[in-house]
Every structure is written in C-alpha cells, then in structure tokens.
C-alpha cells in the first residue's frame, strides 16, 4: 500500500488546495513514479484511500443508503457474508417495492442542448420506473459476475453484494438507467476506498459519493448518445484540429465518408476512462487522481484534450499509418480500439495531464490559435526535438489557414460528396 498521507505530511501540505495544486498537478506526490509508490501489477487496493477521500466533492451530498428492493438490509447481509454466515440471496425485485425518488439536485449539462426551464416536454426527464430498475439489477448481476479488475470480486461475495447495493442507490438517487461500464468505474473506486475493517457503511457512502462525482459529468455526456455526438462534433473535433491539423486529417478528413466510425473507439476510451488504453495500473490511478480534481464544467473539455494528447503521443505511428496505402479507416479503428497500449506502453501521465489542461484552458476561452503551439511544445518534448516531426507539424499550420472544415453533420458530408462527384463527372465530359 502506498502512503500518500505520509508523503503529504513530509511535504508540508497545509490544505486540500496544496494536495491538488502541488501534489497532483505539480507532481510532488509522484516523485519516483506511480509504480514506485503503488506497483504496476495490480490496482494497489487501498492505495488511494486517503488521497481520494481528501478530494471529496462538497457539492455531492452524502446520503443514507437505501436497501435493495426485496431486502430489509442488504448492508447487513453483506456484513453477514463477511463473517461467513449463511444468508439468503437477495429476493427477486418487486415492482411494488421500488421507491421513486426525485434527485436532491438537478443539473443541466451545457452540451445537452436541453434546458429544464423552458417548459418544454422534452426538457422534463422521465422518472425511472420500477421495471427499468428491475431490468437494470438483472444486468448488474451479470456484469458483476464478469468483473475481472481484481480477484476480490470473484473470490469474496460480500463485495459483489456491496457493489450491487451502491449501483442501485446511484440509479435511484440520480434517476438514471444502468449502462454497461458503470460497474467497472465503480469497481475501481471501491478497490481504493472500501475494506471490511471498520466503519463499513461509512466507507460505502464514501465510495458512492466519489462515484457520483465522476459519473455526473461522465454519464451526462459520454453515456448519452445525443450529447456524445454533440461533444464529438463541437468539442473534440475542433480541439484536435487546432492542436494538429495533420492528425485530424488522418482521423477525419483523410478517410472522408467513414469519419463517423470514430465514435466506435471514442466511446470505449471515454466511457471507461481509459482503463483499456493505459498499460500500467499505476498510470491509470494517477490519471484518475487528476480527473477527481476537475469540476463538472472542466470534465468534458479535459477528456477531449487528453484524448488528443494521447493521439499526439503516437504522432509518428499515425503518420506512418496514413502513408501505408494497404490500410484503410477500419484498420485505424482496430488499432485505436485494441492496440493503443502496445503502441504507447509508457505514459508520463503528469505531462499528458498538464498539456491537456493547458489545451482545455485555451479552448475554453476561444483562443484556439494557441493550440497549435501547445502541440508543438508537446511534440518537441515527446520526440526529443525531432526535426522531422517538428518540421512536419510546422508545415501543417497552412492547413489551418487554408481551412479544413470540421465536419458538423454526417448528412451534410454525404451531400458534399455527391456534389463533388457530380461536378467531377461533368468536368470529365
């Protein structure tokens, strides 16, 4: 177990602001590297207990846990399982026994395009039903059986029960349906916070609070199809274009009509917060340290810029891909889905996050012309001031001037392609 608390004491931190500004974003807590602190083989169970609880969001209310429907006290059942006592399995969810709650707070994400104050019927989110909760719990049961991020979830039934309880509470209290991926995000937090030594219920509440903090912006954009499409079009594309027109041209313009297939890999990268794309477990935890310091307003911008930085870090390999005429866009998707961690196994998470935050800050104040130089600085660091890489990047600045329009609508693209073909056909006559 790594001791962030002792390191914070040794460094003389006097406040939570010191932990965030100096410790996480300044990198002082990672002196020697994440692997030195936590090891790279496992997710270092409990390694972030002090640190993540120190990053609690005061805006997320800590509430009492509701027992699962059909169970008088699932927390009590979990404790009994911890003591290896025999208990009945949770009874089948009853349609009648599900409480319908109104969330204590309501937020509208700026990318959602829907305001709850317009009196518009579409602006009123439907209350989740008992049938939906029951269906969600059945899917949760199946997903938890396949949760392989740590042996504890297959070896100790009490943790599966606790996870189900927490997911149920999140769904009901936030009025959302369960989606595949929730369990892996929760499992990562549960690994760090929960143990069965003392104050189990308080620790479960802390897990739920941190999970809610991450999921509010994550679910609001990346698990909602309409909002994801808007984010990809209005945030990610212009962010990537501003940073590197060349990489943008490979990902989008260079493959024309198939650009919308990019959502296939973007969905997995974003919805699981890079669990599959980052090779070292310690690096994943270090990235999540940074994510837990973000506000909801910063979150979606930072995710867009962090993905862009991850693409920039394999700049040379993306360029090589674009020059290989035997490869097409489907090959690119396969690479980004399955092989990123092999292409870039060693991440300097701190540098990536600092660069991503610089890009997000610039983008947020509409100074996109500065993105190109942020990319240049990163490429110079990443590729040891390689003249070939830097010269190629510099020559693509003209691509911004002459204008590669960021695609805004798939139907518009199809119309443009048809128009181009028609014009070319007439010119050849």
Protein backbone atom coordinates (compact mmCIF):
# COMPACT_ATOMS: atom_id res chain seq x y z
CA UNK A 1 0.00 0.00 0.00
CA UNK A 2 1.38 3.42 -0.86
CA UNK A 3 1.24 6.16 1.73
CA UNK A 4 0.18 9.43 0.15
CA UNK A 5 -0.75 10.77 3.57
CA UNK A 6 2.81 10.42 4.88
CA UNK A 7 4.18 12.00 1.74
CA UNK A 8 1.77 14.94 2.11
CA UNK A 9 2.92 15.39 5.72
CA UNK A 10 6.58 15.22 4.72
CA UNK A 11 5.97 17.84 2.00
CA UNK A 12 4.28 20.17 4.49
CA UNK A 13 0.87 20.43 2.84
CA UNK A 14 -1.39 22.67 4.88
CA UNK A 15 -4.63 22.36 2.90
CA UNK A 16 -6.55 20.42 0.28
CA UNK A 17 -5.50 23.11 -2.20
CA UNK A 18 -1.86 22.13 -1.62
CA UNK A 19 -2.70 18.50 -2.29
CA UNK A 20 -4.35 19.39 -5.60
CA UNK A 21 -2.07 22.18 -6.83
CA UNK A 22 1.34 20.97 -5.65
CA UNK A 23 0.76 17.29 -5.02
CA UNK A 24 -1.29 16.19 -8.04
CA UNK A 25 -0.93 18.83 -10.74
CA UNK A 26 2.56 19.81 -9.61
CA UNK A 27 3.56 16.16 -9.40
CA UNK A 28 5.15 16.23 -5.95
CA UNK A 29 3.15 13.20 -4.80
CA UNK A 30 4.52 11.13 -7.67
CA UNK A 31 8.22 11.70 -7.11
CA UNK A 32 9.80 8.40 -8.06
CA UNK A 33 6.81 7.45 -10.24
CA UNK A 34 3.46 5.76 -9.68
CA UNK A 35 4.99 2.30 -9.90
CA UNK A 36 7.41 3.10 -7.09
CA UNK A 37 4.50 4.19 -4.95
CA UNK A 38 1.98 1.53 -5.82
CA UNK A 39 3.46 -1.09 -8.11
CA UNK A 40 2.29 -1.81 -11.62
CA UNK A 41 0.95 -5.36 -11.36
CA UNK A 42 -2.32 -4.75 -9.53
CA UNK A 43 -4.60 -1.78 -8.93
CA UNK A 44 -2.91 -1.46 -5.49
CA UNK A 45 -6.02 -1.99 -3.40
CA UNK A 46 -6.44 0.81 -0.89
CA UNK A 47 -3.53 2.85 -2.24
CA UNK A 48 -5.71 5.92 -2.84
CA UNK A 49 -7.91 5.73 0.27
CA UNK A 50 -6.58 8.89 1.91
CA UNK A 51 -5.96 10.81 -1.30
CA UNK A 52 -9.32 10.21 -2.97
CA UNK A 53 -11.30 10.81 0.20
CA UNK A 54 -9.36 14.06 0.51
CA UNK A 55 -10.72 15.01 -2.92
CA UNK A 56 -14.36 14.66 -1.86
CA UNK A 57 -16.70 16.99 -3.68
CA UNK A 58 -18.68 19.13 -1.23
CA UNK A 59 -21.31 19.68 -3.93
CA UNK A 60 -22.14 15.95 -3.91
CA UNK A 61 -24.37 15.26 -0.95
CA UNK A 62 -23.63 12.21 1.17
CA UNK A 63 -26.93 10.40 1.73
CA UNK A 64 -28.18 7.36 3.58
CA UNK A 65 -28.02 4.12 1.63
CA UNK A 66 -31.31 2.59 0.58
CA UNK A 67 -31.58 -1.21 0.90
CA UNK A 68 -32.20 -3.13 -2.28
CA UNK A 69 -35.89 -3.73 -3.01
CA UNK A 70 -36.94 -7.05 -1.60
CA UNK A 71 -34.27 -6.89 1.08
CA UNK A 72 -34.67 -5.37 4.53
CA UNK A 73 -31.00 -4.63 4.95
CA UNK A 74 -28.51 -5.55 2.23
CA UNK A 75 -25.71 -3.87 4.17
CA UNK A 76 -26.49 -6.29 6.99
CA UNK A 77 -26.42 -9.16 4.52
CA UNK A 78 -23.03 -8.08 3.27
CA UNK A 79 -21.71 -7.97 6.83
CA UNK A 80 -23.06 -11.43 7.43
CA UNK A 81 -21.26 -12.65 4.33
CA UNK A 82 -18.06 -11.05 5.55
CA UNK A 83 -18.47 -13.12 8.70
CA UNK A 84 -19.03 -16.21 6.52
CA UNK A 85 -22.56 -16.64 7.85
CA UNK A 86 -25.24 -18.16 5.66
CA UNK A 87 -27.71 -15.70 4.18
CA UNK A 88 -30.42 -15.95 1.55
CA UNK A 89 -29.77 -14.44 -1.83
CA UNK A 90 -31.49 -11.13 -2.42
CA UNK A 91 -35.09 -11.81 -3.31
CA UNK A 92 -36.43 -11.03 -6.77
CA UNK A 93 -37.06 -7.35 -7.19
CA UNK A 94 -40.66 -6.42 -6.62
CA UNK A 95 -42.35 -3.94 -8.93
CA UNK A 96 -44.23 -2.51 -5.98
CA UNK A 97 -41.33 -2.26 -3.58
CA UNK A 98 -39.29 0.31 -5.52
CA UNK A 99 -39.32 3.87 -4.25
CA UNK A 100 -39.47 6.64 -6.82
CA UNK A 101 -37.24 9.45 -5.66
CA UNK A 102 -36.57 12.92 -7.00
CA UNK A 103 -32.86 13.78 -7.11
CA UNK A 104 -31.87 16.29 -4.44
CA UNK A 105 -30.18 18.44 -7.08
CA UNK A 106 -30.79 18.91 -10.77
CA UNK A 107 -28.07 19.87 -13.21
CA UNK A 108 -28.20 20.52 -16.93
CA UNK A 109 -25.01 19.90 -18.83
CA UNK A 110 -24.15 22.78 -21.20
CA UNK A 111 -23.74 20.36 -24.11
CA UNK A 112 -27.07 18.68 -23.60
CA UNK A 113 -28.94 21.28 -25.61
CA UNK A 114 -31.93 20.91 -23.31
CA UNK A 115 -32.94 23.34 -20.65
CA UNK A 116 -35.20 22.30 -17.82
CA UNK A 117 -36.57 25.82 -17.55
CA UNK A 118 -38.19 26.13 -20.97
CA UNK A 119 -41.42 24.39 -20.15
CA UNK A 120 -40.61 22.03 -23.00
CA UNK A 121 -41.88 18.47 -22.57
CA UNK A 122 -38.56 17.15 -23.88
CA UNK A 123 -36.79 19.06 -21.12
CA UNK A 124 -38.51 17.00 -18.43
CA UNK A 125 -36.56 13.85 -17.77
CA UNK A 126 -38.79 10.83 -17.35
CA UNK A 127 -38.83 9.26 -13.92
CA UNK A 128 -37.14 5.87 -13.91
CA UNK A 129 -39.70 3.09 -13.45
CA UNK A 130 -39.76 0.01 -11.30
CA UNK A 131 -39.49 -2.21 -14.36
CA UNK A 132 -36.39 -0.33 -15.50
CA UNK A 133 -34.81 -0.73 -12.07
CA UNK A 134 -35.59 -4.43 -12.07
CA UNK A 135 -34.10 -4.88 -15.55
CA UNK A 136 -31.05 -2.87 -14.53
CA UNK A 137 -30.47 -5.06 -11.48
CA UNK A 138 -30.59 -8.19 -13.63
CA UNK A 139 -27.95 -6.74 -15.96
CA UNK A 140 -25.88 -5.63 -12.98
CA UNK A 141 -25.88 -9.20 -11.67
CA UNK A 142 -24.49 -10.45 -14.97
CA UNK A 143 -21.89 -7.68 -15.26
CA UNK A 144 -20.62 -8.16 -11.70
CA UNK A 145 -20.01 -11.85 -12.41
CA UNK A 146 -17.66 -10.74 -15.19
CA UNK A 147 -15.86 -8.01 -13.26
CA UNK A 148 -12.21 -9.03 -13.51
CA UNK A 149 -10.31 -5.91 -12.48
CA UNK A 150 -9.35 -7.59 -9.16
CA UNK A 151 -9.68 -11.14 -7.78
CA UNK A 152 -11.63 -9.90 -4.76
CA UNK A 153 -14.76 -9.54 -6.90
CA UNK A 154 -14.78 -13.22 -7.79
CA UNK A 155 -13.44 -14.59 -4.52
CA UNK A 156 -15.48 -12.68 -1.93
CA UNK A 157 -19.26 -12.50 -2.44
CA UNK A 158 -19.68 -9.66 0.05
CA UNK A 159 -18.02 -7.24 -2.38
CA UNK A 160 -20.39 -8.19 -5.18
CA UNK A 161 -23.34 -7.52 -2.85
CA UNK A 162 -21.89 -4.16 -1.85
CA UNK A 163 -21.34 -3.18 -5.48
CA UNK A 164 -24.92 -4.08 -6.37
CA UNK A 165 -26.19 -2.02 -3.45
CA UNK A 166 -24.15 1.01 -4.50
CA UNK A 167 -25.18 0.80 -8.15
CA UNK A 168 -28.84 0.53 -7.14
CA UNK A 169 -28.53 3.62 -4.94
CA UNK A 170 -26.83 5.58 -7.71
CA UNK A 171 -29.56 4.71 -10.23
CA UNK A 172 -32.44 5.58 -7.92
CA UNK A 173 -30.98 8.73 -6.38
CA UNK A 174 -29.87 10.14 -9.74
CA UNK A 175 -32.84 8.88 -11.80
CA UNK A 176 -30.74 7.13 -14.45
CA UNK A 177 -30.80 3.73 -16.11
CA UNK A 178 -27.86 1.39 -15.74
CA UNK A 179 -25.43 1.16 -18.66
CA UNK A 180 -22.62 -1.29 -19.16
CA UNK A 181 -19.41 0.24 -17.91
CA UNK A 182 -20.83 1.71 -14.70
CA UNK A 183 -19.69 -1.38 -12.78
CA UNK A 184 -16.07 -1.04 -13.87
CA UNK A 185 -15.88 2.63 -12.90
CA UNK A 186 -17.44 1.83 -9.52
CA UNK A 187 -15.14 -1.17 -9.06
CA UNK A 188 -12.04 0.99 -9.46
CA UNK A 189 -13.24 3.37 -6.74
CA UNK A 190 -14.43 0.56 -4.48
CA UNK A 191 -10.97 -1.04 -4.64
CA UNK A 192 -9.40 2.11 -3.24
CA UNK A 193 -11.87 3.07 -0.54
CA UNK A 194 -13.61 0.02 0.90
CA UNK A 195 -12.30 -2.51 3.34
CA UNK A 196 -14.09 -4.60 5.95
CA UNK A 197 -12.04 -3.49 8.93
CA UNK A 198 -14.15 -0.73 10.47
CA UNK A 199 -16.94 1.70 9.54
CA UNK A 200 -18.05 -0.34 6.53
CA UNK A 201 -21.22 1.67 5.96
CA UNK A 202 -19.37 5.00 6.06
CA UNK A 203 -16.86 3.67 3.54
CA UNK A 204 -19.67 2.53 1.25
CA UNK A 205 -21.11 6.04 1.42
CA UNK A 206 -17.70 7.48 0.54
CA UNK A 207 -17.45 5.15 -2.47
CA UNK A 208 -20.89 6.23 -3.68
CA UNK A 209 -20.03 9.89 -3.25
CA UNK A 210 -16.84 9.61 -5.32
CA UNK A 211 -18.61 7.50 -7.93
CA UNK A 212 -21.36 10.12 -8.21
CA UNK A 213 -18.76 12.87 -8.58
CA UNK A 214 -17.17 11.10 -11.55
CA UNK A 215 -20.39 9.83 -13.09
CA UNK A 216 -22.34 13.11 -13.09
CA UNK A 217 -20.28 14.63 -15.95
CA UNK A 218 -19.30 11.27 -17.44
CA UNK A 219 -22.83 9.90 -17.74
CA UNK A 220 -24.26 13.26 -18.75
CA UNK A 221 -22.13 13.46 -21.90
CA UNK A 222 -20.47 10.17 -22.76
CA UNK A 223 -23.23 7.68 -21.95
CA UNK A 224 -25.97 9.77 -23.61
CA UNK A 225 -25.84 9.28 -27.38
CA UNK A 226 -27.14 12.70 -28.41
CA UNK A 227 -24.79 14.53 -26.05
CA UNK A 228 -21.86 12.36 -27.09
CA UNK A 229 -22.44 13.26 -30.75
CA UNK A 230 -22.55 16.97 -29.88
CA UNK A 231 -19.38 16.70 -27.80
CA UNK A 232 -17.55 14.85 -30.56
CA UNK A 233 -18.61 17.42 -33.14
CA UNK A 234 -18.35 20.66 -31.17
CA UNK A 235 -15.53 19.93 -28.72
CA UNK A 236 -13.32 17.01 -29.71
CA UNK A 237 -13.04 17.68 -33.45
CA UNK A 238 -12.15 21.39 -33.20
CA UNK A 239 -9.81 20.62 -30.28
CA UNK A 240 -7.89 18.03 -32.30
CA UNK A 241 -7.93 20.20 -35.42
CA UNK A 242 -6.47 23.14 -33.52
CA UNK A 243 -3.73 21.05 -31.95
CA UNK A 244 -2.70 19.08 -35.02
CA UNK A 245 -4.30 19.54 -38.45
CA UNK A 246 -2.21 16.61 -39.67
CA UNK A 247 -3.51 14.12 -37.08
CA UNK A 248 -7.01 15.50 -37.63
CA UNK A 249 -6.66 14.88 -41.37
CA UNK A 250 -5.76 11.24 -40.75
CA UNK A 251 -8.51 10.64 -38.21
CA UNK A 252 -11.20 12.56 -40.16
CA UNK A 253 -10.53 14.25 -43.49
CA UNK A 254 -8.13 11.61 -44.73
CA UNK A 255 -10.88 9.00 -44.56
CA UNK A 256 -13.80 11.15 -45.65
CA UNK A 257 -17.08 9.33 -45.63
CA UNK A 258 -16.11 6.97 -42.82
CA UNK A 259 -15.20 9.63 -40.25
CA UNK A 260 -18.29 8.92 -38.15
CA UNK A 261 -16.94 5.44 -37.38
CA UNK A 262 -14.55 7.17 -34.99
CA UNK A 263 -17.29 7.01 -32.39
CA UNK A 264 -16.58 3.28 -32.03
CA UNK A 265 -13.20 3.82 -30.36
CA UNK A 266 -14.08 7.15 -28.77
CA UNK A 267 -16.95 5.51 -26.88
CA UNK A 268 -14.69 2.94 -25.24
CA UNK A 269 -11.89 5.39 -24.46
CA UNK A 270 -14.27 7.83 -22.78
CA UNK A 271 -16.87 5.63 -21.10
CA UNK A 272 -14.29 3.53 -19.25
CA UNK A 273 -11.95 6.47 -18.63
CA UNK A 274 -9.01 4.84 -20.42
CA UNK A 275 -8.91 1.63 -18.36
CA UNK A 276 -8.29 -0.39 -21.53
CA UNK A 277 -5.92 2.06 -23.23
CA UNK A 278 -3.34 2.67 -20.49
CA UNK A 279 -0.96 -0.22 -19.94
CA UNK A 280 0.20 0.35 -16.36
CA UNK A 281 -2.26 0.19 -13.47
CA UNK A 282 -0.39 2.89 -11.56
CA UNK A 283 -0.73 5.24 -14.54
CA UNK A 284 -4.50 4.69 -14.64
CA UNK A 285 -4.78 5.58 -10.96
CA UNK A 286 -2.61 8.67 -11.45
CA UNK A 287 -4.88 9.84 -14.28
CA UNK A 288 -7.93 9.31 -12.09
CA UNK A 289 -6.26 11.39 -9.35
CA UNK A 290 -6.35 14.26 -11.83
CA UNK A 291 -9.90 13.53 -13.01
CA UNK A 292 -11.19 13.72 -9.44
CA UNK A 293 -9.89 17.28 -9.12
CA UNK A 294 -11.92 18.54 -12.10
CA UNK A 295 -15.19 20.41 -11.91
CA UNK A 296 -18.14 19.22 -13.98
CA UNK A 297 -17.61 22.15 -16.35
CA UNK A 298 -13.96 21.21 -16.93
CA UNK A 299 -14.54 17.48 -17.35
CA UNK A 300 -15.69 17.15 -20.97
CA UNK A 301 -13.12 19.67 -22.24
CA UNK A 302 -10.33 17.89 -20.41
CA UNK A 303 -11.38 14.49 -21.80
CA UNK A 304 -11.29 15.91 -25.34
CA UNK A 305 -7.84 17.40 -24.86
CA UNK A 306 -6.48 14.30 -23.08
CA UNK A 307 -7.59 12.05 -25.97
CA UNK A 308 -5.92 14.49 -28.35
CA UNK A 309 -2.68 14.35 -26.36
CA UNK A 310 -2.80 10.54 -26.41
CA UNK A 311 -3.05 10.69 -30.20
CA UNK A 312 -0.22 13.23 -30.40
CA UNK A 313 1.97 10.90 -28.36
CA UNK A 314 1.84 8.38 -31.24
CA UNK A 315 2.23 11.09 -33.89
CA UNK A 316 4.94 9.20 -35.75
CA UNK A 317 2.90 5.99 -35.86
CA UNK A 318 -0.25 7.78 -37.05
CA UNK A 319 1.73 9.42 -39.86
CA UNK A 320 3.19 6.05 -40.84
CA UNK A 321 -0.33 4.63 -40.91
CA UNK A 322 -1.53 7.42 -43.21
CA UNK A 323 1.26 6.66 -45.68
CA UNK A 324 0.51 2.95 -45.88
CA UNK A 325 -1.81 2.57 -48.85
CA UNK A 326 -2.68 -1.01 -47.85
CA UNK A 327 -4.53 0.25 -44.75
CA UNK A 328 -7.97 1.85 -44.55
CA UNK A 329 -10.11 3.51 -41.93
CA UNK A 330 -11.29 0.19 -40.46
CA UNK A 331 -7.67 -0.67 -39.76
CA UNK A 332 -7.26 2.63 -37.95
CA UNK A 333 -10.29 1.88 -35.78
CA UNK A 334 -8.89 -1.55 -34.94
CA UNK A 335 -5.57 -0.02 -33.94
CA UNK A 336 -7.16 2.55 -31.66
CA UNK A 337 -9.55 0.00 -30.16
CA UNK A 338 -7.15 -2.84 -29.49
CA UNK A 339 -3.54 -1.79 -29.79
CA UNK A 340 -3.04 1.63 -28.26
CA UNK A 341 -1.43 0.36 -25.07
CA UNK A 342 1.05 -1.64 -27.17
CA UNK A 343 1.87 1.39 -29.29
CA UNK A 344 2.40 3.62 -26.26
CA UNK A 345 3.08 1.49 -23.16
CA UNK A 346 4.96 4.16 -21.18
CA UNK A 347 2.97 7.29 -20.40
CA UNK A 348 4.16 10.29 -18.46
CA UNK A 349 0.69 10.87 -17.04
CA UNK A 350 1.62 14.10 -15.31
CA UNK A 351 2.98 15.65 -18.53
CA UNK A 352 -0.02 14.42 -20.53
CA UNK A 353 -2.45 15.90 -17.99
CA UNK A 354 -0.63 19.22 -17.78
CA UNK A 355 -0.63 19.54 -21.57
CA UNK A 356 -4.28 18.52 -21.76
CA UNK A 357 -5.26 21.10 -19.15
CA UNK A 358 -3.33 23.83 -20.99
CA UNK A 359 -5.22 22.94 -24.17
CA UNK A 360 -8.57 22.82 -22.37
CA UNK A 361 -8.00 26.24 -20.78
CA UNK A 362 -7.08 27.81 -24.13
CA UNK A 363 -10.03 26.17 -25.88
CA UNK A 364 -12.40 27.32 -23.13
CA UNK A 365 -11.58 30.99 -23.77
CA UNK A 366 -11.80 30.59 -27.57
CA UNK A 367 -8.09 31.15 -28.18
CA UNK A 368 -7.79 28.15 -30.47
CA UNK A 369 -4.91 29.67 -32.42
CA UNK A 370 -2.71 28.91 -29.39
CA UNK A 371 -3.46 25.19 -29.56
CA UNK A 372 -1.01 24.67 -32.42
CA UNK A 373 1.92 25.92 -30.32
CA UNK A 374 0.85 23.80 -27.34
CA UNK A 375 1.04 20.80 -29.66
CA UNK A 376 4.46 21.90 -30.94
CA UNK A 377 5.79 22.11 -27.40
CA UNK A 378 4.44 18.66 -26.55
CA UNK A 379 5.84 17.06 -29.73
CA UNK A 380 9.24 18.63 -29.04
CA UNK A 381 9.23 17.05 -25.57
CA UNK A 382 7.83 13.70 -26.66
CA UNK A 383 10.07 13.14 -29.67
CA UNK A 384 13.26 14.71 -28.30
CA UNK A 385 13.09 17.74 -30.58
CA UNK A 386 12.98 15.56 -33.70
CA UNK A 387 13.41 17.86 -36.70
CA UNK A 388 11.38 15.52 -38.90
CA UNK A 389 8.36 15.56 -36.58
CA UNK A 390 8.57 19.29 -35.80
CA UNK A 391 9.03 20.30 -39.43
CA UNK A 392 6.07 18.18 -40.49
CA UNK A 393 3.96 19.72 -37.76
CA UNK A 394 5.03 23.24 -38.72
CA UNK A 395 4.21 22.77 -42.40
CA UNK A 396 0.66 21.78 -41.49
CA UNK A 397 -0.08 25.18 -39.98
CA UNK A 398 -1.07 26.21 -43.51
CA UNK A 399 -3.77 23.53 -43.40
CA UNK A 400 -5.45 25.60 -40.73
CA UNK A 401 -5.12 28.79 -42.79
CA UNK A 402 -6.48 27.27 -45.98
CA UNK A 403 -9.17 25.64 -43.89
CA UNK A 404 -10.13 22.07 -43.32
CA UNK A 405 -13.72 22.48 -42.25
CA UNK A 406 -14.59 20.49 -39.19
CA UNK A 407 -17.44 18.15 -40.20
CA UNK A 408 -20.59 19.25 -38.49
CA UNK A 409 -23.17 16.83 -39.82
CA UNK A 410 -22.94 13.40 -41.43
CA UNK A 411 -25.82 14.17 -43.81
CA UNK A 412 -24.09 17.35 -44.95
CA UNK A 413 -20.93 15.36 -45.65
CA UNK A 414 -22.87 12.90 -47.80
CA UNK A 415 -24.40 15.77 -49.79
CA UNK A 416 -20.95 17.34 -50.26
CA UNK A 417 -19.52 14.04 -51.51
CA UNK A 418 -22.38 13.62 -54.01
CA UNK A 419 -21.92 17.22 -55.20
CA UNK A 420 -18.16 16.71 -55.68
CA UNK A 421 -18.72 13.55 -57.68
CA UNK A 422 -21.34 15.27 -59.82
CA UNK A 423 -19.06 18.24 -60.56
CA UNK A 424 -16.10 15.99 -61.38
CA UNK A 425 -18.30 13.89 -63.63
CA UNK A 426 -19.39 16.95 -65.61
CA UNK A 427 -15.81 18.25 -65.90
CA UNK A 428 -14.73 14.96 -67.48
CA UNK A 429 -17.38 15.14 -70.20
